[in-house]
C-alpha cells in the first residue's frame, strides 16, 4: 500500500461522520444501507400516492414526479457516498 493511500485512510478516519435522523428519531450513518433504505421507503410511498392521483390533477401528479426525481438523486448520492466510505459493499 502506498504512502498516499495510507495517509488518505488516516485522514478519512478523522473526518466527522454525517448522521441522518429518521422519522422515528433514530440517528443512522449517512450513506449506510439503512439510510438508502429510508429513501427507498419514501420513494415507494410517493409512487403509490402518485398512482392514486386522478388524471385530472396532472399538475399535482407532475409535482410528485419532481419530488421523486429529487429523492432518487439524493438516494444515489447517499449510495455513492456509502460505497466510497466502505459502509456499502458489493456482494
PDB file of N, CA and C in Angstrom:
ATOM      1  N   UNK A   1       0.858  -1.179   0.000  1.00  0.00           N
ATOM      2  CA  UNK A   1       0.000   0.000   0.000  1.00  0.00           C
ATOM      3  C   UNK A   1       0.901   1.239   0.000  1.00  0.00           C
ATOM      4  N   UNK A   2       0.560   2.184  -0.856  1.00  0.00           N
ATOM      5  CA  UNK A   2       1.401   3.367  -0.984  1.00  0.00           C
ATOM      6  C   UNK A   2       1.205   4.305   0.203  1.00  0.00           C
ATOM      7  N   UNK A   3       2.158   5.193   0.345  1.00  0.00           N
ATOM      8  CA  UNK A   3       2.124   6.164   1.434  1.00  0.00           C
ATOM      9  C   UNK A   3       0.901   7.079   1.311  1.00  0.00           C
ATOM     10  N   UNK A   4       0.543   7.460   0.085  1.00  0.00           N
ATOM     11  CA  UNK A   4      -0.602   8.345  -0.128  1.00  0.00           C
ATOM     12  C   UNK A   4      -1.904   7.666   0.271  1.00  0.00           C
ATOM     13  N   UNK A   5      -2.033   6.371  -0.033  1.00  0.00           N
ATOM     14  CA  UNK A   5      -3.246   5.646   0.340  1.00  0.00           C
ATOM     15  C   UNK A   5      -3.374   5.535   1.854  1.00  0.00           C
ATOM     16  N   UNK A   6      -2.267   5.260   2.517  1.00  0.00           N
ATOM     17  CA  UNK A   6      -2.293   5.164   3.976  1.00  0.00           C
ATOM     18  C   UNK A   6      -2.680   6.501   4.589  1.00  0.00           C
ATOM     19  N   UNK A   7      -2.124   7.574   4.057  1.00  0.00           N
ATOM     20  CA  UNK A   7      -2.421   8.908   4.564  1.00  0.00           C
ATOM     21  C   UNK A   7      -3.895   9.255   4.344  1.00  0.00           C
ATOM     22  N   UNK A   8      -4.433   8.867   3.192  1.00  0.00           N
ATOM     23  CA  UNK A   8      -5.839   9.126   2.898  1.00  0.00           C
ATOM     24  C   UNK A   8      -6.746   8.387   3.878  1.00  0.00           C
ATOM     25  N   UNK A   9      -6.411   7.148   4.191  1.00  0.00           N
ATOM     26  CA  UNK A   9      -7.201   6.356   5.139  1.00  0.00           C
ATOM     27  C   UNK A   9      -7.178   6.988   6.523  1.00  0.00           C
ATOM     28  N   UNK A  10      -6.021   7.477   6.936  1.00  0.00           N
ATOM     29  CA  UNK A  10      -5.916   8.121   8.249  1.00  0.00           C
ATOM     30  C   UNK A  10      -6.761   9.383   8.289  1.00  0.00           C
ATOM     31  N   UNK A  11      -6.694  10.209   7.242  1.00  0.00           N
ATOM     32  CA  UNK A  11      -7.486  11.437   7.210  1.00  0.00           C
ATOM     33  C   UNK A  11      -8.975  11.144   7.201  1.00  0.00           C
ATOM     34  N   UNK A  12      -9.401  10.124   6.458  1.00  0.00           N
ATOM     35  CA  UNK A  12     -10.812   9.784   6.403  1.00  0.00           C
ATOM     36  C   UNK A  12     -11.325   9.268   7.743  1.00  0.00           C
ATOM     37  N   UNK A  13     -10.472   8.641   8.515  1.00  0.00           N
ATOM     38  CA  UNK A  13     -10.920   8.134   9.809  1.00  0.00           C
ATOM     39  C   UNK A  13     -11.161   9.267  10.799  1.00  0.00           C
ATOM     40  N   UNK A  14     -10.548  10.432  10.576  1.00  0.00           N
ATOM     41  CA  UNK A  14     -10.752  11.567  11.468  1.00  0.00           C
ATOM     42  C   UNK A  14     -11.832  12.518  10.986  1.00  0.00           C
ATOM     43  N   UNK A  15     -12.384  12.287   9.791  1.00  0.00           N
ATOM     44  CA  UNK A  15     -13.451  13.134   9.277  1.00  0.00           C
ATOM     45  C   UNK A  15     -14.696  12.932  10.134  1.00  0.00           C
ATOM     46  N   UNK A  16     -15.409  14.018  10.452  1.00  0.00           N
ATOM     47  CA  UNK A  16     -16.649  13.843  11.197  1.00  0.00           C
ATOM     48  C   UNK A  16     -17.674  13.097  10.353  1.00  0.00           C
ATOM     49  N   UNK A  17     -18.298  12.116  10.945  1.00  0.00           N
ATOM     50  CA  UNK A  17     -19.266  11.296  10.229  1.00  0.00           C
ATOM     51  C   UNK A  17     -20.627  11.983  10.232  1.00  0.00           C
ATOM     52  N   UNK A  18     -21.247  12.062   9.065  1.00  0.00           N
ATOM     53  CA  UNK A  18     -22.566  12.670   8.955  1.00  0.00           C
ATOM     54  C   UNK A  18     -23.603  11.699   9.495  1.00  0.00           C
ATOM     55  N   UNK A  19     -24.609  12.257  10.138  1.00  0.00           N
ATOM     56  CA  UNK A  19     -25.715  11.460  10.663  1.00  0.00           C
ATOM     57  C   UNK A  19     -27.004  11.858   9.951  1.00  0.00           C
ATOM     58  N   UNK A  20     -27.936  10.943   9.888  1.00  0.00           N
ATOM     59  CA  UNK A  20     -29.238  11.160   9.274  1.00  0.00           C
ATOM     60  C   UNK A  20     -30.285  10.807  10.320  1.00  0.00           C
ATOM     61  N   UNK A  21     -31.248  11.683  10.527  1.00  0.00           N
ATOM     62  CA  UNK A  21     -32.284  11.478  11.538  1.00  0.00           C
ATOM     63  C   UNK A  21     -33.544  10.942  10.868  1.00  0.00           C
ATOM     64  N   UNK A  22     -34.006   9.785  11.306  1.00  0.00           N
ATOM     65  CA  UNK A  22     -35.220   9.191  10.733  1.00  0.00           C
ATOM     66  C   UNK A  22     -36.454   9.775  11.411  1.00  0.00           C
ATOM     67  N   UNK A  23     -37.627   9.431  10.874  1.00  0.00           N
ATOM     68  CA  UNK A  23     -38.876   9.912  11.465  1.00  0.00           C
ATOM     69  C   UNK A  23     -39.088   9.368  12.877  1.00  0.00           C
ATOM     70  N   UNK A  24     -38.504   8.213  13.149  1.00  0.00           N
ATOM     71  CA  UNK A  24     -38.631   7.611  14.475  1.00  0.00           C
ATOM     72  C   UNK A  24     -37.691   8.259  15.487  1.00  0.00           C
ATOM     73  N   UNK A  25     -36.860   9.190  15.042  1.00  0.00           N
ATOM     74  CA  UNK A  25     -35.908   9.856  15.929  1.00  0.00           C
ATOM     75  C   UNK A  25     -34.595   9.117  16.059  1.00  0.00           C
ATOM     76  N   UNK A  26     -34.379   8.134  15.224  1.00  0.00           N
ATOM     77  CA  UNK A  26     -33.171   7.320  15.266  1.00  0.00           C
ATOM     78  C   UNK A  26     -32.095   7.954  14.385  1.00  0.00           C
ATOM     79  N   UNK A  27     -30.877   8.024  14.885  1.00  0.00           N
ATOM     80  CA  UNK A  27     -29.760   8.541  14.090  1.00  0.00           C
ATOM     81  C   UNK A  27     -29.075   7.381  13.391  1.00  0.00           C
ATOM     82  N   UNK A  28     -28.924   7.514  12.069  1.00  0.00           N
ATOM     83  CA  UNK A  28     -28.229   6.493  11.302  1.00  0.00           C
ATOM     84  C   UNK A  28     -27.115   7.156  10.510  1.00  0.00           C
ATOM     85  N   UNK A  29     -26.147   6.375  10.134  1.00  0.00           N
ATOM     86  CA  UNK A  29     -24.980   6.855   9.404  1.00  0.00           C
ATOM     87  C   UNK A  29     -25.364   7.253   7.984  1.00  0.00           C
ATOM     88  N   UNK A  30     -24.915   8.430   7.542  1.00  0.00           N
ATOM     89  CA  UNK A  30     -25.158   8.886   6.177  1.00  0.00           C
ATOM     90  C   UNK A  30     -24.466   7.932   5.205  1.00  0.00           C
ATOM     91  N   UNK A  31     -25.208   7.426   4.232  1.00  0.00           N
ATOM     92  CA  UNK A  31     -24.643   6.521   3.242  1.00  0.00           C
ATOM     93  C   UNK A  31     -24.720   5.052   3.617  1.00  0.00           C
ATOM     94  N   UNK A  32     -25.285   4.739   4.775  1.00  0.00           N
ATOM     95  CA  UNK A  32     -25.407   3.336   5.166  1.00  0.00           C
ATOM     96  C   UNK A  32     -26.591   2.702   4.435  1.00  0.00           C
ATOM     97  N   UNK A  33     -26.704   1.389   4.526  1.00  0.00           N
ATOM     98  CA  UNK A  33     -27.833   0.704   3.897  1.00  0.00           C
ATOM     99  C   UNK A  33     -29.165   1.147   4.493  1.00  0.00           C
ATOM    100  N   UNK A  34     -29.178   1.438   5.785  1.00  0.00           N
ATOM    101  CA  UNK A  34     -30.403   1.931   6.423  1.00  0.00           C
ATOM    102  C   UNK A  34     -30.802   3.285   5.850  1.00  0.00           C
ATOM    103  N   UNK A  35     -29.818   4.135   5.609  1.00  0.00           N
ATOM    104  CA  UNK A  35     -30.075   5.455   5.047  1.00  0.00           C
ATOM    105  C   UNK A  35     -30.647   5.335   3.636  1.00  0.00           C
ATOM    106  N   UNK A  36     -30.039   4.510   2.811  1.00  0.00           N
ATOM    107  CA  UNK A  36     -30.523   4.304   1.450  1.00  0.00           C
ATOM    108  C   UNK A  36     -31.910   3.652   1.487  1.00  0.00           C
ATOM    109  N   UNK A  37     -32.113   2.733   2.423  1.00  0.00           N
ATOM    110  CA  UNK A  37     -33.418   2.089   2.573  1.00  0.00           C
ATOM    111  C   UNK A  37     -34.517   3.059   2.963  1.00  0.00           C
ATOM    112  N   UNK A  38     -34.173   4.079   3.736  1.00  0.00           N
ATOM    113  CA  UNK A  38     -35.148   5.102   4.106  1.00  0.00           C
ATOM    114  C   UNK A  38     -35.627   5.833   2.861  1.00  0.00           C
ATOM    115  N   UNK A  39     -34.691   6.163   1.975  1.00  0.00           N
ATOM    116  CA  UNK A  39     -35.080   6.798   0.719  1.00  0.00           C
ATOM    117  C   UNK A  39     -35.962   5.867  -0.104  1.00  0.00           C
ATOM    118  N   UNK A  40     -35.617   4.590  -0.147  1.00  0.00           N
ATOM    119  CA  UNK A  40     -36.416   3.624  -0.901  1.00  0.00           C
ATOM    120  C   UNK A  40     -37.859   3.579  -0.395  1.00  0.00           C
ATOM    121  N   UNK A  41     -38.031   3.581   0.923  1.00  0.00           N
ATOM    122  CA  UNK A  41     -39.375   3.530   1.502  1.00  0.00           C
ATOM    123  C   UNK A  41     -40.190   4.768   1.136  1.00  0.00           C
ATOM    124  N   UNK A  42     -39.579   5.931   1.220  1.00  0.00           N
ATOM    125  CA  UNK A  42     -40.286   7.171   0.890  1.00  0.00           C
ATOM    126  C   UNK A  42     -40.639   7.199  -0.598  1.00  0.00           C
ATOM    127  N   UNK A  43     -39.716   6.750  -1.432  1.00  0.00           N
ATOM    128  CA  UNK A  43     -39.976   6.717  -2.877  1.00  0.00           C
ATOM    129  C   UNK A  43     -41.149   5.783  -3.183  1.00  0.00           C
ATOM    130  N   UNK A  44     -41.178   4.619  -2.553  1.00  0.00           N
ATOM    131  CA  UNK A  44     -42.284   3.680  -2.783  1.00  0.00           C
ATOM    132  C   UNK A  44     -43.622   4.276  -2.348  1.00  0.00           C
ATOM    133  N   UNK A  45     -43.637   4.980  -1.228  1.00  0.00           N
ATOM    134  CA  UNK A  45     -44.875   5.606  -0.763  1.00  0.00           C
ATOM    135  C   UNK A  45     -45.347   6.683  -1.730  1.00  0.00           C
ATOM    136  N   UNK A  46     -44.412   7.505  -2.231  1.00  0.00           N
ATOM    137  CA  UNK A  46     -44.798   8.550  -3.171  1.00  0.00           C
ATOM    138  C   UNK A  46     -45.277   7.982  -4.505  1.00  0.00           C
ATOM    139  N   UNK A  47     -44.665   6.890  -4.954  1.00  0.00           N
ATOM    140  CA  UNK A  47     -45.119   6.249  -6.188  1.00  0.00           C
ATOM    141  C   UNK A  47     -46.550   5.750  -6.004  1.00  0.00           C
ATOM    142  N   UNK A  48     -46.843   5.190  -4.846  1.00  0.00           N
ATOM    143  CA  UNK A  48     -48.188   4.718  -4.552  1.00  0.00           C
ATOM    144  C   UNK A  48     -49.181   5.884  -4.537  1.00  0.00           C
ATOM    145  N   UNK A  49     -48.799   6.984  -3.940  1.00  0.00           N
ATOM    146  CA  UNK A  49     -49.674   8.160  -3.908  1.00  0.00           C
ATOM    147  C   UNK A  49     -49.889   8.698  -5.318  1.00  0.00           C
ATOM    148  N   UNK A  50     -48.815   8.768  -6.113  1.00  0.00           N
ATOM    149  CA  UNK A  50     -48.929   9.300  -7.473  1.00  0.00           C
ATOM    150  C   UNK A  50     -49.880   8.451  -8.320  1.00  0.00           C
ATOM    151  N   UNK A  51     -49.849   7.143  -8.123  1.00  0.00           N
ATOM    152  CA  UNK A  51     -50.750   6.261  -8.875  1.00  0.00           C
ATOM    153  C   UNK A  51     -52.218   6.546  -8.564  1.00  0.00           C
ATOM    154  N   UNK A  52     -52.497   6.986  -7.345  1.00  0.00           N
ATOM    155  CA  UNK A  52     -53.869   7.193  -6.924  1.00  0.00           C
ATOM    156  C   UNK A  52     -54.406   8.581  -7.251  1.00  0.00           C
ATOM    157  N   UNK A  53     -53.545   9.477  -7.708  1.00  0.00           N
ATOM    158  CA  UNK A  53     -53.992  10.815  -8.080  1.00  0.00           C
ATOM    159  C   UNK A  53     -54.708  10.715  -9.426  1.00  0.00           C
ATOM    160  N   UNK A  54     -55.907  11.277  -9.516  1.00  0.00           N
ATOM    161  CA  UNK A  54     -56.636  11.188 -10.790  1.00  0.00           C
ATOM    162  C   UNK A  54     -55.931  11.958 -11.912  1.00  0.00           C
ATOM    163  N   UNK A  55     -56.204  11.561 -13.148  1.00  0.00           N
ATOM    164  CA  UNK A  55     -55.565  12.182 -14.307  1.00  0.00           C
ATOM    165  C   UNK A  55     -55.896  13.669 -14.410  1.00  0.00           C
ATOM    166  N   UNK A  56     -57.035  14.076 -13.904  1.00  0.00           N
ATOM    167  CA  UNK A  56     -57.432  15.481 -13.974  1.00  0.00           C
ATOM    168  C   UNK A  56     -56.483  16.379 -13.182  1.00  0.00           C
ATOM    169  N   UNK A  57     -55.827  15.813 -12.183  1.00  0.00           N
ATOM    170  CA  UNK A  57     -54.881  16.572 -11.357  1.00  0.00           C
ATOM    171  C   UNK A  57     -53.459  16.386 -11.877  1.00  0.00           C
ATOM    172  N   UNK A  58     -53.278  16.635 -13.157  1.00  0.00           N
ATOM    173  CA  UNK A  58     -51.971  16.435 -13.784  1.00  0.00           C
ATOM    174  C   UNK A  58     -50.875  17.277 -13.165  1.00  0.00           C
ATOM    175  N   UNK A  59     -51.236  18.497 -12.748  1.00  0.00           N
ATOM    176  CA  UNK A  59     -50.241  19.390 -12.141  1.00  0.00           C
ATOM    177  C   UNK A  59     -49.687  18.796 -10.840  1.00  0.00           C
ATOM    178  N   UNK A  60     -50.576  18.267 -10.033  1.00  0.00           N
ATOM    179  CA  UNK A  60     -50.142  17.673  -8.765  1.00  0.00           C
ATOM    180  C   UNK A  60     -49.337  16.400  -8.997  1.00  0.00           C
ATOM    181  N   UNK A  61     -49.760  15.638  -9.992  1.00  0.00           N
ATOM    182  CA  UNK A  61     -49.032  14.428 -10.354  1.00  0.00           C
ATOM    183  C   UNK A  61     -47.619  14.774 -10.804  1.00  0.00           C
ATOM    184  N   UNK A  62     -47.490  15.872 -11.548  1.00  0.00           N
ATOM    185  CA  UNK A  62     -46.184  16.326 -12.004  1.00  0.00           C
ATOM    186  C   UNK A  62     -45.312  16.763 -10.823  1.00  0.00           C
ATOM    187  N   UNK A  63     -45.906  17.423  -9.855  1.00  0.00           N
ATOM    188  CA  UNK A  63     -45.147  17.831  -8.665  1.00  0.00           C
ATOM    189  C   UNK A  63     -44.611  16.629  -7.913  1.00  0.00           C
ATOM    190  N   UNK A  64     -45.440  15.603  -7.790  1.00  0.00           N
ATOM    191  CA  UNK A  64     -44.996  14.381  -7.117  1.00  0.00           C
ATOM    192  C   UNK A  64     -43.857  13.742  -7.903  1.00  0.00           C
ATOM    193  N   UNK A  65     -43.963  13.767  -9.236  1.00  0.00           N
ATOM    194  CA  UNK A  65     -42.899  13.216 -10.080  1.00  0.00           C
ATOM    195  C   UNK A  65     -41.593  13.974  -9.882  1.00  0.00           C
ATOM    196  N   UNK A  66     -41.672  15.287  -9.735  1.00  0.00           N
ATOM    197  CA  UNK A  66     -40.473  16.088  -9.489  1.00  0.00           C
ATOM    198  C   UNK A  66     -39.854  15.747  -8.131  1.00  0.00           C
ATOM    199  N   UNK A  67     -40.702  15.530  -7.141  1.00  0.00           N
ATOM    200  CA  UNK A  67     -40.209  15.113  -5.820  1.00  0.00           C
ATOM    201  C   UNK A  67     -39.506  13.758  -5.920  1.00  0.00           C
ATOM    202  N   UNK A  68     -40.096  12.847  -6.665  1.00  0.00           N
ATOM    203  CA  UNK A  68     -39.495  11.525  -6.843  1.00  0.00           C
ATOM    204  C   UNK A  68     -38.131  11.636  -7.519  1.00  0.00           C
ATOM    205  N   UNK A  69     -38.038  12.497  -8.510  1.00  0.00           N
ATOM    206  CA  UNK A  69     -36.768  12.689  -9.195  1.00  0.00           C
ATOM    207  C   UNK A  69     -35.693  13.193  -8.228  1.00  0.00           C
ATOM    208  N   UNK A  70     -36.061  14.140  -7.381  1.00  0.00           N
ATOM    209  CA  UNK A  70     -35.120  14.670  -6.395  1.00  0.00           C
ATOM    210  C   UNK A  70     -34.705  13.615  -5.381  1.00  0.00           C
ATOM    211  N   UNK A  71     -35.663  12.834  -4.920  1.00  0.00           N
ATOM    212  CA  UNK A  71     -35.362  11.792  -3.940  1.00  0.00           C
ATOM    213  C   UNK A  71     -34.484  10.701  -4.538  1.00  0.00           C
ATOM    214  N   UNK A  72     -34.723  10.371  -5.794  1.00  0.00           N
ATOM    215  CA  UNK A  72     -33.881   9.364  -6.447  1.00  0.00           C
ATOM    216  C   UNK A  72     -32.444   9.871  -6.582  1.00  0.00           C
ATOM    217  N   UNK A  73     -32.291  11.162  -6.875  1.00  0.00           N
ATOM    218  CA  UNK A  73     -30.953  11.746  -6.951  1.00  0.00           C
ATOM    219  C   UNK A  73     -30.267  11.691  -5.586  1.00  0.00           C
ATOM    220  N   UNK A  74     -30.983  12.068  -4.531  1.00  0.00           N
ATOM    221  CA  UNK A  74     -30.403  12.040  -3.182  1.00  0.00           C
ATOM    222  C   UNK A  74     -30.060  10.617  -2.762  1.00  0.00           C
ATOM    223  N   UNK A  75     -30.915   9.659  -3.164  1.00  0.00           N
ATOM    224  CA  UNK A  75     -30.642   8.266  -2.843  1.00  0.00           C
ATOM    225  C   UNK A  75     -29.351   7.805  -3.517  1.00  0.00           C
ATOM    226  N   UNK A  76     -29.181   8.142  -4.787  1.00  0.00           N
ATOM    227  CA  UNK A  76     -27.963   7.716  -5.486  1.00  0.00           C
ATOM    228  C   UNK A  76     -26.733   8.408  -4.916  1.00  0.00           C
ATOM    229  N   UNK A  77     -26.893   9.652  -4.485  1.00  0.00           N
ATOM    230  CA  UNK A  77     -25.788  10.373  -3.854  1.00  0.00           C
ATOM    231  C   UNK A  77     -25.382   9.696  -2.536  1.00  0.00           C
ATOM    232  N   UNK A  78     -26.365   9.306  -1.747  1.00  0.00           N
ATOM    233  CA  UNK A  78     -26.085   8.610  -0.485  1.00  0.00           C
ATOM    234  C   UNK A  78     -25.461   7.249  -0.749  1.00  0.00           C
ATOM    235  N   UNK A  79     -25.935   6.552  -1.785  1.00  0.00           N
ATOM    236  CA  UNK A  79     -25.395   5.240  -2.125  1.00  0.00           C
ATOM    237  C   UNK A  79     -23.929   5.352  -2.538  1.00  0.00           C
ATOM    238  N   UNK A  80     -23.627   6.322  -3.387  1.00  0.00           N
ATOM    239  CA  UNK A  80     -22.235   6.523  -3.815  1.00  0.00           C
ATOM    240  C   UNK A  80     -21.349   6.877  -2.625  1.00  0.00           C
ATOM    241  N   UNK A  81     -21.866   7.694  -1.722  1.00  0.00           N
ATOM    242  CA  UNK A  81     -21.102   8.055  -0.527  1.00  0.00           C
ATOM    243  C   UNK A  81     -20.836   6.821   0.338  1.00  0.00           C
ATOM    244  N   UNK A  82     -21.830   5.962   0.463  1.00  0.00           N
ATOM    245  CA  UNK A  82     -21.679   4.740   1.237  1.00  0.00           C
ATOM    246  C   UNK A  82     -20.674   3.791   0.615  1.00  0.00           C
ATOM    247  N   UNK A  83     -20.661   3.731  -0.724  1.00  0.00           N
ATOM    248  CA  UNK A  83     -19.673   2.883  -1.411  1.00  0.00           C
ATOM    249  C   UNK A  83     -18.268   3.406  -1.193  1.00  0.00           C
ATOM    250  N   UNK A  84     -18.091   4.735  -1.294  1.00  0.00           N
ATOM    251  CA  UNK A  84     -16.754   5.330  -1.116  1.00  0.00           C
ATOM    252  C   UNK A  84     -16.244   5.142   0.311  1.00  0.00           C
ATOM    253  N   UNK A  85     -17.144   5.289   1.278  1.00  0.00           N
ATOM    254  CA  UNK A  85     -16.709   5.205   2.673  1.00  0.00           C
ATOM    255  C   UNK A  85     -16.605   3.767   3.182  1.00  0.00           C
ATOM    256  N   UNK A  86     -17.082   2.816   2.404  1.00  0.00           N
ATOM    257  CA  UNK A  86     -16.988   1.413   2.818  1.00  0.00           C
ATOM    258  C   UNK A  86     -18.165   0.925   3.614  1.00  0.00           C
ATOM    259  N   UNK A  87     -19.198   1.759   3.789  1.00  0.00           N
ATOM    260  CA  UNK A  87     -20.405   1.325   4.521  1.00  0.00           C
ATOM    261  C   UNK A  87     -21.236   0.359   3.699  1.00  0.00           C
ATOM    262  N   UNK A  88     -21.149   0.476   2.377  1.00  0.00           N
ATOM    263  CA  UNK A  88     -21.884  -0.418   1.477  1.00  0.00           C
ATOM    264  C   UNK A  88     -20.853  -1.181   0.656  1.00  0.00           C
ATOM    265  N   UNK A  89     -20.977  -2.482   0.659  1.00  0.00           N
ATOM    266  CA  UNK A  89     -20.061  -3.310  -0.115  1.00  0.00           C
ATOM    267  C   UNK A  89     -20.860  -4.152  -1.091  1.00  0.00           C
ATOM    268  N   UNK A  90     -20.284  -4.414  -2.240  1.00  0.00           N
ATOM    269  CA  UNK A  90     -20.913  -5.288  -3.232  1.00  0.00           C
ATOM    270  C   UNK A  90     -20.696  -6.740  -2.808  1.00  0.00           C
ATOM    271  N   UNK A  91     -21.753  -7.529  -2.908  1.00  0.00           N
ATOM    272  CA  UNK A  91     -21.640  -8.952  -2.552  1.00  0.00           C
ATOM    273  C   UNK A  91     -21.410  -9.793  -3.758  1.00  0.00           C
TER     274      UNK A  91
END
